Amino acid sequence: MAHRRRKAKWSFILIRDADRRVKQFRVSGRTLAALPIAAALTVVGAFAARELEALQRIHELDALLDAESARSGAALAAKNSEISSLNRELRELNDRSELLQQRMDELAVLEARLRQFIGQYGDGQTIPQGEHVSEVAVSSYAAAASEELAAAAAQLTIDDIAELSQMLGELADSMETNLRKAEQRQAELDALPSAWPTVSRRLTSGFGYRSDPFTRKSAFHAGVDITGDVGDPIYAAGDGTVKEAGFNRTRGNYIIITHRTGLESHYLHLSKIGVKTGQQIRRGDRIGEMGNSGRSTGAHLHFQVVASEKPVNPLPYLRQVEED
């Protein structure tokens, strides 16, 4: 009878300490062969579990990153929107500031023109505002503008600048209107033949009927005679245009100036004419010299004013400038 071959056994001896018992483990060859596989599976399982854990952690981190990215994107979009809004506000503020500066420059120019106008026409000359406006009003314009500018400078918002710009625009329009009225009024005043045409103020003959020095008969005298010396300067009584400048046997050397008010001023018996027909004349310009030409009995200026082609007494005009 054949003997069955006994399966080989493997023994493992575990020696702990010298004074401790020795333990022996016996395992079969099959078991021993399976140990590496079991160990490998254990390691593989451990790695797989670790990998799963890592993947899970990666997924969690990805989710957190996506959420943070979304929040960051929203915050970035909000910041970009805020920056865009601030840029728009800054551009609008710059535009308003430029407009404000333009208004201030216009106001400064108008104020300078008004002050020049006042300085040119001297004491007591008024500027119309509706009727009239004085230099005090000009100063009040500047003071009002300064106060408004100081108030707006404290808190320069877009609304402040817009309101201030509107105020300056209205003020500039008002000043421009007043200045135009003042210039028009002054032009009308300057066109009146009211400035005394000679250095001498002594009259030898008045306006109206008198005894004619040649015929000794009563005759109408259409102006006033102002005595003086030959060669004395003759001045334009008002702004205007030279209508005629020439010689006539009765008038002698003479000048006629038309004024924008529809009036004419006549200067007769001159020794010298200093202007030409069509020439623009300003009040006080020297236009000739006193003489004794034409139908005259001595050195003098015959000065007359004509309205609607009829001679009128020139003395009210000449007295007007003296009374002013």
Protein backbone atom coordinates (compact mmCIF):
# COMPACT_ATOMS: atom_id res chain seq x y z
CA MET A 1 0.00 0.00 0.00
CA ALA A 2 1.43 3.15 -1.09
CA HIS A 3 1.91 5.89 1.42
CA ARG A 4 0.32 9.31 0.79
CA ARG A 5 2.85 12.00 0.49
CA ARG A 6 2.51 14.48 3.21
CA LYS A 7 2.19 18.03 2.19
CA ALA A 8 5.16 20.18 3.01
CA LYS A 9 4.72 22.54 5.88
CA TRP A 10 6.55 25.73 6.54
CA SER A 11 7.41 26.82 10.01
CA PHE A 12 7.95 30.34 11.23
CA ILE A 13 9.66 30.83 14.55
CA LEU A 14 8.99 34.07 16.40
CA ILE A 15 11.69 34.87 18.94
CA ARG A 16 10.71 37.78 21.08
CA ASP A 17 13.18 38.09 23.95
CA ALA A 18 15.77 35.75 25.39
CA ASP A 19 13.61 35.08 28.41
CA ARG A 20 10.35 34.76 26.54
CA ARG A 21 8.89 31.73 24.94
CA VAL A 22 9.53 31.00 21.33
CA LYS A 23 6.46 30.78 19.15
CA GLN A 24 6.37 28.63 16.10
CA PHE A 25 3.86 28.96 13.30
CA ARG A 26 3.36 26.30 10.70
CA VAL A 27 1.79 27.11 7.40
CA SER A 28 1.30 25.08 4.29
CA GLY A 29 3.10 25.81 1.05
CA ARG A 30 -0.12 26.91 -0.58
CA THR A 31 -0.71 29.42 2.15
CA LEU A 32 2.83 30.63 1.92
CA ALA A 33 2.44 31.07 -1.82
CA ALA A 34 -0.74 33.07 -1.31
CA LEU A 35 0.88 35.47 1.15
CA PRO A 36 2.60 37.67 -1.48
CA ILE A 37 -0.60 37.88 -3.46
CA ALA A 38 -2.53 38.81 -0.36
CA ALA A 39 0.12 41.37 0.52
CA ALA A 40 0.03 42.75 -2.99
CA LEU A 41 -3.76 42.96 -2.91
CA THR A 42 -3.57 44.66 0.45
CA VAL A 43 -1.12 47.20 -0.90
CA VAL A 44 -3.16 47.66 -4.05
CA GLY A 45 -6.29 48.09 -1.96
CA ALA A 46 -4.53 50.63 0.23
CA PHE A 47 -3.35 52.54 -2.82
CA ALA A 48 -6.81 52.36 -4.37
CA ALA A 49 -8.39 53.65 -1.19
CA ARG A 50 -5.82 56.41 -1.01
CA GLU A 51 -6.43 57.25 -4.65
CA LEU A 52 -10.17 57.37 -4.10
CA GLU A 53 -9.61 59.60 -1.10
CA ALA A 54 -7.32 61.82 -3.16
CA LEU A 55 -9.85 61.97 -6.02
CA GLN A 56 -12.57 62.87 -3.58
CA ARG A 57 -10.39 65.59 -2.13
CA ILE A 58 -9.61 66.81 -5.63
CA HIS A 59 -13.31 66.99 -6.44
CA GLU A 60 -13.93 68.93 -3.25
CA LEU A 61 -11.08 71.30 -4.02
CA ASP A 62 -12.34 71.74 -7.58
CA ALA A 63 -15.78 72.57 -6.24
CA LEU A 64 -14.30 75.06 -3.80
CA LEU A 65 -12.16 76.56 -6.55
CA ASP A 66 -15.17 76.87 -8.86
CA ALA A 67 -17.18 78.53 -6.12
CA GLU A 68 -14.32 80.87 -5.29
CA SER A 69 -13.82 81.62 -8.96
CA ALA A 70 -17.51 82.42 -9.31
CA ARG A 71 -17.36 84.71 -6.29
CA SER A 72 -14.16 86.28 -7.60
CA GLY A 73 -15.70 86.69 -11.04
CA ALA A 74 -18.76 88.36 -9.56
CA ALA A 75 -16.57 90.60 -7.42
CA LEU A 76 -14.36 91.38 -10.40
CA ALA A 77 -17.39 92.17 -12.55
CA ALA A 78 -18.73 94.43 -9.79
CA LYS A 79 -15.36 96.15 -9.48
CA ASN A 80 -15.11 96.58 -13.26
CA SER A 81 -18.62 98.00 -13.32
CA GLU A 82 -17.73 100.38 -10.49
CA ILE A 83 -14.53 101.41 -12.28
CA SER A 84 -16.47 102.03 -15.50
CA SER A 85 -19.03 104.09 -13.58
CA LEU A 86 -16.26 106.10 -11.91
CA ASN A 87 -14.58 106.66 -15.28
CA ARG A 88 -17.86 107.92 -16.74
CA GLU A 89 -18.37 110.18 -13.75
CA LEU A 90 -14.80 111.43 -14.06
CA ARG A 91 -15.27 112.20 -17.75
CA GLU A 92 -18.52 114.00 -16.99
CA LEU A 93 -16.83 115.88 -14.17
CA ASN A 94 -14.01 116.90 -16.51
CA ASP A 95 -16.52 118.06 -19.11
CA ARG A 96 -18.41 120.05 -16.49
CA SER A 97 -15.15 121.52 -15.21
CA GLU A 98 -14.14 122.59 -18.71
CA LEU A 99 -17.57 124.15 -19.25
CA LEU A 100 -17.29 125.89 -15.88
CA GLN A 101 -13.86 127.24 -16.80
CA GLN A 102 -15.23 128.43 -20.13
CA ARG A 103 -18.08 130.22 -18.37
CA MET A 104 -15.63 131.81 -15.94
CA ASP A 105 -13.43 132.98 -18.82
CA GLU A 106 -16.46 134.46 -20.61
CA LEU A 107 -17.52 136.17 -17.41
CA ALA A 108 -14.04 137.62 -16.92
CA VAL A 109 -14.03 138.98 -20.48
CA LEU A 110 -17.45 140.54 -20.02
CA GLU A 111 -16.48 142.06 -16.70
CA ALA A 112 -13.35 143.54 -18.29
CA ARG A 113 -15.43 144.99 -21.11
CA LEU A 114 -17.88 146.51 -18.66
CA ARG A 115 -15.12 148.04 -16.57
CA GLN A 116 -13.45 149.39 -19.70
CA PHE A 117 -16.76 150.87 -20.81
CA ILE A 118 -17.26 152.55 -17.43
CA GLY A 119 -13.68 153.83 -17.35
CA GLN A 120 -13.98 155.20 -20.87
CA TYR A 121 -17.09 157.26 -20.25
CA GLY A 122 -16.18 158.62 -16.85
CA ASP A 123 -18.06 159.69 -13.74
CA GLY A 124 -21.81 159.61 -13.66
CA GLN A 125 -22.19 157.60 -16.87
CA THR A 126 -24.74 154.86 -16.37
CA ILE A 127 -25.23 151.54 -18.06
CA PRO A 128 -28.77 150.40 -18.88
CA GLN A 129 -30.20 147.34 -17.20
CA GLY A 130 -33.78 147.55 -18.33
CA GLU A 131 -33.20 151.29 -17.88
CA HIS A 132 -29.76 151.79 -16.26
CA VAL A 133 -27.08 149.88 -14.38
CA SER A 134 -24.14 151.51 -12.57
CA GLU A 135 -20.58 150.46 -11.80
CA VAL A 136 -21.86 149.25 -8.45
CA ALA A 137 -23.90 146.69 -10.38
CA VAL A 138 -20.77 145.51 -12.16
CA SER A 139 -19.03 145.07 -8.81
CA SER A 140 -22.06 143.18 -7.53
CA TYR A 141 -21.79 140.86 -10.54
CA ALA A 142 -18.20 140.05 -9.65
CA ALA A 143 -19.01 139.69 -5.94
CA ALA A 144 -21.95 137.39 -6.65
CA ALA A 145 -19.82 135.26 -8.95
CA SER A 146 -17.03 135.04 -6.35
CA GLU A 147 -19.45 134.02 -3.60
CA GLU A 148 -21.04 131.35 -5.77
CA LEU A 149 -17.65 130.03 -6.85
CA ALA A 150 -16.43 129.87 -3.25
CA ALA A 151 -19.56 128.02 -2.16
CA ALA A 152 -19.29 125.53 -5.01
CA ALA A 153 -15.58 124.94 -4.40
CA ALA A 154 -16.32 123.58 -0.92
CA GLN A 155 -17.99 120.46 -2.37
CA LEU A 156 -17.34 120.05 -6.05
CA THR A 157 -19.85 117.45 -7.15
CA ILE A 158 -21.17 117.11 -10.66
CA ASP A 159 -24.48 118.67 -9.61
CA ASP A 160 -22.65 121.57 -7.95
CA ILE A 161 -20.61 122.23 -11.06
CA ALA A 162 -23.67 121.94 -13.29
CA GLU A 163 -25.60 124.41 -11.14
CA LEU A 164 -22.65 126.78 -10.94
CA SER A 165 -22.09 126.54 -14.68
CA GLN A 166 -25.75 127.36 -15.29
CA MET A 167 -25.54 130.29 -12.91
CA LEU A 168 -22.43 131.64 -14.63
CA GLY A 169 -24.08 131.17 -18.01
CA GLU A 170 -27.12 133.15 -16.93
CA LEU A 171 -24.89 135.80 -15.39
CA ALA A 172 -22.80 136.02 -18.56
CA ASP A 173 -25.94 136.33 -20.69
CA SER A 174 -27.25 139.06 -18.41
CA MET A 175 -23.96 140.94 -18.50
CA GLU A 176 -23.75 140.57 -22.28
CA THR A 177 -27.28 141.96 -22.65
CA ASN A 178 -26.53 144.86 -20.32
CA LEU A 179 -23.29 145.59 -22.14
CA ARG A 180 -25.02 145.64 -25.53
CA LYS A 181 -27.67 147.99 -24.15
CA ALA A 182 -25.00 150.18 -22.60
CA GLU A 183 -23.01 150.34 -25.82
CA GLN A 184 -26.14 151.10 -27.83
CA ARG A 185 -27.20 153.80 -25.39
CA GLN A 186 -23.71 155.29 -25.34
CA ALA A 187 -23.56 155.22 -29.13
CA GLU A 188 -26.84 157.14 -29.22
CA LEU A 189 -25.48 159.66 -26.73
CA ASP A 190 -22.21 160.02 -28.62
CA ALA A 191 -24.15 160.58 -31.85
CA LEU A 192 -25.94 163.59 -30.40
CA PRO A 193 -24.24 166.83 -31.56
CA SER A 194 -23.90 168.01 -27.97
CA ALA A 195 -20.13 168.49 -27.60
CA TRP A 196 -19.02 172.13 -27.81
CA PRO A 197 -17.36 172.55 -31.24
CA THR A 198 -14.92 175.33 -30.30
CA VAL A 199 -12.52 176.34 -27.57
CA SER A 200 -14.37 179.66 -27.15
CA ARG A 201 -17.78 179.63 -25.52
CA ARG A 202 -18.73 183.24 -26.41
CA LEU A 203 -21.74 183.71 -28.67
CA THR A 204 -22.08 186.76 -30.93
CA SER A 205 -25.40 185.78 -32.46
CA GLY A 206 -28.17 183.44 -31.38
CA PHE A 207 -30.74 181.22 -33.10
CA GLY A 208 -33.82 182.89 -34.62
CA TYR A 209 -34.64 186.24 -36.21
CA ARG A 210 -32.05 189.01 -36.08
CA SER A 211 -30.85 192.05 -38.00
CA ASP A 212 -28.82 190.84 -40.96
CA PRO A 213 -25.28 192.34 -40.71
CA PHE A 214 -25.19 193.00 -44.47
CA THR A 215 -28.75 194.16 -45.28
CA ARG A 216 -29.70 195.41 -41.82
CA LYS A 217 -33.07 193.78 -42.35
CA SER A 218 -34.69 191.20 -40.08
CA ALA A 219 -33.70 187.71 -41.23
CA PHE A 220 -33.87 184.22 -39.80
CA HIS A 221 -30.55 182.99 -38.40
CA ALA A 222 -30.51 179.16 -38.59
CA GLY A 223 -27.75 178.60 -36.03
CA VAL A 224 -25.50 180.27 -33.49
CA ASP A 225 -22.30 182.21 -34.10
CA ILE A 226 -19.34 181.47 -31.80
CA THR A 227 -16.53 183.99 -31.91
CA GLY A 228 -12.83 183.16 -31.83
CA ASP A 229 -9.59 183.59 -33.71
CA VAL A 230 -8.69 182.44 -37.18
CA GLY A 231 -7.00 179.07 -36.89
CA ASP A 232 -8.77 178.00 -33.68
CA PRO A 233 -9.57 174.26 -33.82
CA ILE A 234 -13.07 173.14 -34.74
CA TYR A 235 -14.28 169.85 -33.20
CA ALA A 236 -17.03 167.44 -34.23
CA ALA A 237 -20.02 167.80 -31.92
CA GLY A 238 -20.91 164.11 -32.16
CA ASP A 239 -20.16 160.78 -33.84
CA GLY A 240 -21.18 160.61 -37.47
CA THR A 241 -20.23 160.60 -41.14
CA VAL A 242 -19.08 163.56 -43.22
CA LYS A 243 -21.94 164.23 -45.61
CA GLU A 244 -20.39 167.26 -47.32
CA ALA A 245 -17.06 169.09 -47.12
CA GLY A 246 -16.41 171.94 -49.53
CA PHE A 247 -16.79 175.62 -50.36
CA ASN A 248 -19.82 177.82 -50.99
CA ARG A 249 -19.92 181.60 -51.54
CA THR A 250 -22.36 182.00 -48.67
CA ARG A 251 -21.14 179.29 -46.32
CA GLY A 252 -17.48 179.66 -47.18
CA ASN A 253 -15.52 176.52 -46.27
CA TYR A 254 -18.06 174.27 -44.60
CA ILE A 255 -18.61 170.75 -43.25
CA ILE A 256 -21.88 168.84 -42.75
CA ILE A 257 -21.88 165.73 -40.53
CA THR A 258 -24.82 163.31 -40.35
CA HIS A 259 -25.48 161.50 -37.08
CA ARG A 260 -27.18 158.14 -36.42
CA THR A 261 -30.01 159.90 -34.57
CA GLY A 262 -31.12 161.50 -37.85
CA LEU A 263 -29.60 164.85 -36.97
CA GLU A 264 -27.06 166.91 -38.90
CA SER A 265 -24.48 169.36 -37.60
CA HIS A 266 -23.20 172.20 -39.83
CA TYR A 267 -19.88 174.04 -39.47
CA LEU A 268 -19.55 177.18 -41.63
CA HIS A 269 -17.00 179.93 -42.48
CA LEU A 270 -13.92 177.76 -41.80
CA SER A 271 -10.42 178.76 -42.81
CA LYS A 272 -9.38 175.14 -43.27
CA ILE A 273 -11.19 171.80 -43.78
CA GLY A 274 -9.54 168.74 -42.21
CA VAL A 275 -11.91 165.93 -43.29
CA LYS A 276 -13.24 164.34 -46.47
CA THR A 277 -16.72 163.36 -47.61
CA GLY A 278 -17.65 159.87 -46.36
CA GLN A 279 -15.16 159.92 -43.49
CA GLN A 280 -16.25 158.45 -40.15
CA ILE A 281 -15.97 160.98 -37.35
CA ARG A 282 -15.94 160.57 -33.58
CA ARG A 283 -17.14 163.19 -31.11
CA GLY A 284 -14.28 165.58 -30.30
CA ASP A 285 -12.29 164.85 -33.48
CA ARG A 286 -10.61 167.93 -34.93
CA ILE A 287 -12.27 168.55 -38.30
CA GLY A 288 -11.04 172.02 -39.31
CA GLU A 289 -10.05 175.51 -38.25
CA MET A 290 -12.06 178.64 -37.54
CA GLY A 291 -12.04 181.32 -40.24
CA ASN A 292 -13.83 184.16 -41.97
CA SER A 293 -14.67 182.63 -45.34
CA GLY A 294 -17.90 183.13 -47.28
CA ARG A 295 -20.58 185.62 -46.23
CA SER A 296 -18.96 186.64 -42.93
CA THR A 297 -17.99 189.82 -41.14
CA GLY A 298 -15.31 188.40 -38.89
CA ALA A 299 -13.65 185.26 -37.55
CA HIS A 300 -16.31 182.98 -36.10
CA LEU A 301 -17.98 179.57 -36.45
CA HIS A 302 -21.57 179.37 -37.58
CA PHE A 303 -22.83 176.18 -35.93
CA GLN A 304 -26.26 174.77 -36.58
CA VAL A 305 -28.22 171.56 -35.99
CA VAL A 306 -30.74 170.23 -38.52
CA ALA A 307 -33.51 167.77 -37.63
CA SER A 308 -35.81 166.36 -40.33
CA GLU A 309 -34.29 168.84 -42.80
CA LYS A 310 -35.25 171.80 -40.61
CA PRO A 311 -32.81 173.86 -38.51
CA VAL A 312 -33.37 173.69 -34.74
CA ASN A 313 -31.84 175.65 -31.91
CA PRO A 314 -28.44 173.98 -31.17
CA LEU A 315 -28.12 175.49 -27.68
CA PRO A 316 -30.23 172.80 -25.91
CA TYR A 317 -27.80 170.20 -27.29
CA LEU A 318 -24.74 172.18 -26.28
CA ARG A 319 -26.18 172.94 -22.86
CA GLN A 320 -26.93 169.25 -22.40
CA VAL A 321 -23.25 168.36 -22.37
CA GLU A 322 -22.50 171.21 -19.95
CA GLU A 323 -25.31 170.19 -17.59
CA ASP A 324 -24.22 166.51 -17.70
